[in-house]
Amino acid sequence: MKFPVKIALLTIMACSLCPVLLKAQSSQASNLFEEEYKDLYSSQQSADSIPELPSFEPSESTLNRPRGRESVGLVLSGGGAKGIAHVGVIKALEDASIPIDYVTGTSMGAIVGSLYSCGWSPERMLDFFTAPDFLDWSQGIIDPKNIYYYFKPAPTPQWVSVNLSFKRKESIPTQIIPTSLISPLPMNIEFLKLYTPYTEQCDENFNKLFTPFRCVASDIYHKHKVVFGKGNLGPAVRASMSFPMVFRPIKVDGILLYDGGIYDNFPVNVMQQDFNPDFIIGVSVSGADKKPVSGDMYSQLEDMIIQNNDYSVPAKNGIKIQVPVLNFGVLQFDKARTIYEIGYKTGLSMVDSIKSRLKATVSPEEVKARREAFAQETPRVMFDSVRVEGLEGSPARYLKYLFTNDSKEPFGLDRTVSAYYRAVSDGSLSNLVPMAEFGKDGHNTLVLNATPRRPWTLGVGGFLTTSTNSMLYFTGGYHTMGLNSLDVSLSGWVGQSYFAGLINAKFALRTHIPSYFELQGVLSRQKFYQNEEFFFKSSNPMFTIEVDNFLRLGYSWAIGKRMKGYSSIAGGYVSDSYYPTELNVVEDGMKRDRVQYVVGVLRVGIESNTLDNQMYPSSGQQWLANVDVSWQSSRFRPAQGYQPGEDVWKKRPVASLELLWKRFFAIGSHCSIGTMANAYGTLQQLDQNYINTKVHAPAFAPTPSTQNYFNVGFRSDNYLAAGLIPMWRPAKRVQLRGDFYAYCPIRNLRDMGRFEVARYDGYFHKPQFLGEVALILNLPFASVSAYGNYLSYPARNWNFGISFGLLFKAPRLLVR
């Protein structure tokens, strides 16, 4: 389910779940929550039959009590991105030589507190929270560099999709409603990579961390908080920050756990009960309940979910630091550095008040030395076995194979991360939670808790524009997961100028190098116009109609993470119908000439693509090299002057080479520039007239707005092109973009008349220019563009328009 539909459904879901999440814990709300997660609770007859998760009861011997001075506990509240202020406060405390002996935290406070307890300095934490990687996985975005290009499906115009299963007992509405707004996939593996070494180092006892630590999660089913002081550190912290409906909840010992802030957003009492320090410093980035903000869904969810919490610290042995960051949103992680600075300044302002009541000190040098000693003891985690949960049979064996390669050799976190992204790249899994089980003598097991995607998929999308290129897109498919998996899909495009149907079947093979066979069947018909109108006019005559019907059998294989190779054999029928005139001078009663082709094609190529957006990219790179060898039989059927017996079939071999390279470079934080080079060349004997040769040649159409009109100045069977793409991004999803290209045919084509074969005449004649400026809003599911462009041929060729959606068409038999 894509982003906008998620928002609407989650809002409805939030309203329906309010009774569960507010203080009134009615039986009706409990039944609703049980219905949503009945797969977990169906085997439980009552709340009493589910074991509660007890708080860890530390013994005095497991705590490193400071000697000769007072002990200090640090309590960190939840608050989403506002919690980054905790890092600034910790930095201020360390600079002032104020010791931190114990830490408790909730939600974002649990993340900051756990990192500090793992020996991270405030500087390291700030670098972590301001890194692009953290911003990506906190928003559920997988870095394109981590995705295995071989597994990525081809881009389509799809806006929204739903995955369905007709065998499960779930109702269709239950299957459609998402469980979280943000994808958990990147966060799952990052938490494993981040916390597993420290869990092994402390032997699953949080008292043995650099600083003893506790975090709080919420068990909504039993209506109480859960305090973690032992076990696996990653799942404990992950549960503590799983804000309902924003982040997916996590199971710990079979119980779904949510954000600890629901029941205890400021765990002072946990600090007192588990550690009982001499002095408590409580840092709050949250506040008392306030009126919901109209139009801010996240703030409304926060107000509904977080119950009335006590944000006080006992005055006799503690002090509270209230950081003024309430004006920041739950997910404003892009403001991390600003929030940190506010926390640091607030912490410094409280130093004198703390020192007036606390005599204990620890120098920054001593803390640094302890950190270095702790870091030297952090182990390199290795796994020697894999256990899959949630899958059976071939899917389970396939998932295990990705991580082990059927080898019994131990493997580390780097290979685990690589295999994880390989497992999720093809979309077979809706969730995959990796966890570590620690055994004796380093014999650790990687546990993979997998949730397969429902096998049936329905999707809808399209491209809507003010010109002649609007279309709607529909698709349905079936997917299996296993050592030899099958994907079958049926797609259709319906528009003003474009109609197409595609049936696609992909069969993945279990080979040492990942590979698959793919069978495609395509029927398509496209109308091209010689100019674009701001609004479509039915009187605007179409210049040419192209029909493309074919079958293709291909074989593709992975080449590392970012490349793939492919080869294919295809055969089909192509037809071009066009007016026998170069410019738009169609006269009344004029009919179209027609050329028919019967084509067989052998293709071999290699490609790579790490662009962050396939329509309007701003980072990454793309390149491809593609060789076609085809055998073409053609027949010319003129509309006028045709004599019976003249429609003979002409046969010819054709060899072609296409090269494309595109790369984007960052210039500061808000600007970037892209570069593009494209070359296409053929070896062939011309056998048709000038207009048909142009119609049949590849078109240079580098922007969506130029893909639907016929322009002989930008069509050639041999050409070179280069471009610059400067852009300014005033906001994350907004671009002011320029596309400027130079284009030139390598060999000039000479018009010898309607009934004569065209000829080559000279080299590098008639260079052309194409320029476009567009204001673009890249939504999570589509793009909105307002554009204006200029083409140097024909003269005064200005075009303007507005578009919404995604423009990706069905595959073609030849490069055209």
Foldseek 3Di string as FASTA:
>chain_A
DDQPVQVVLLVVVLVLLLCLQEPNNDPVNLVVVCLLVVVLCVPPPDPVRDDDFAADADDPVLADDDPPFFAEAEWQFDFALLSLLVLLLVVLCQQLQNDHAEYEAFASSLVVRVCVLQLDHSVRVLCVLQDPLNLQQLQQHDFLVLAFPVQADDDDLFQDKFFDAPPDPDDPVSRRRDFASHQNQVVQLVLCVPFVLQLVLQVQAQSSTLHRYKYWWAQSSVGAIHIGGGDGSSLRNVLQNAQGRHHHFDDDSSGTIHHRQSHERTPQVCCCNRPNTQAYEYEYADDAQDDADPPDVQSVSVNSRGYGYDRDDPPVHYDYQYQDPVVDGNSPSNCSVVSNVSSNVSSNVCSVVVVVPGVDGHHSVRSNVSSVVSVVSRDFAKEQEEAEAPDDDFQRVQLRCLQAVPPRDIDGSVSVSSSSSNVPNNPQFSDWRWDWDADPPRHIYIYIYTHTGRFKMWTKGWKDKQKQGTKIKIKIWGWDGGQWIKIWMWMWIDGRFKTKIKIKMWIWHNDPWTKIKMKMWMWMKGFAAAAIDQHYDPPRDTFKMKIFTKMKIKMKTGDPRFKIKMKIKMWDKMKMWGFPDQDPPDDPPGGTKMKIKTKIKIKIKMKGWSFPDPADGAFTKIKMKMKMKMKMWMFIGGPPPDDPPRRDIDIKIKIKMKIKIKGKDDDPDWKIKMKIKIWMAMDIDFDAFDVVQQVPFAFPDPHPVRPRHRHSLRGDRTKIKMWMKIWGHPDDFKIFIKIKMKMWGQWDWAGPDHGDTIDTDDGGPRIKIKMKTWIWGHDSRKIKIWMWMDIVPPPPRIDTMIMITDDDDDDGPDND
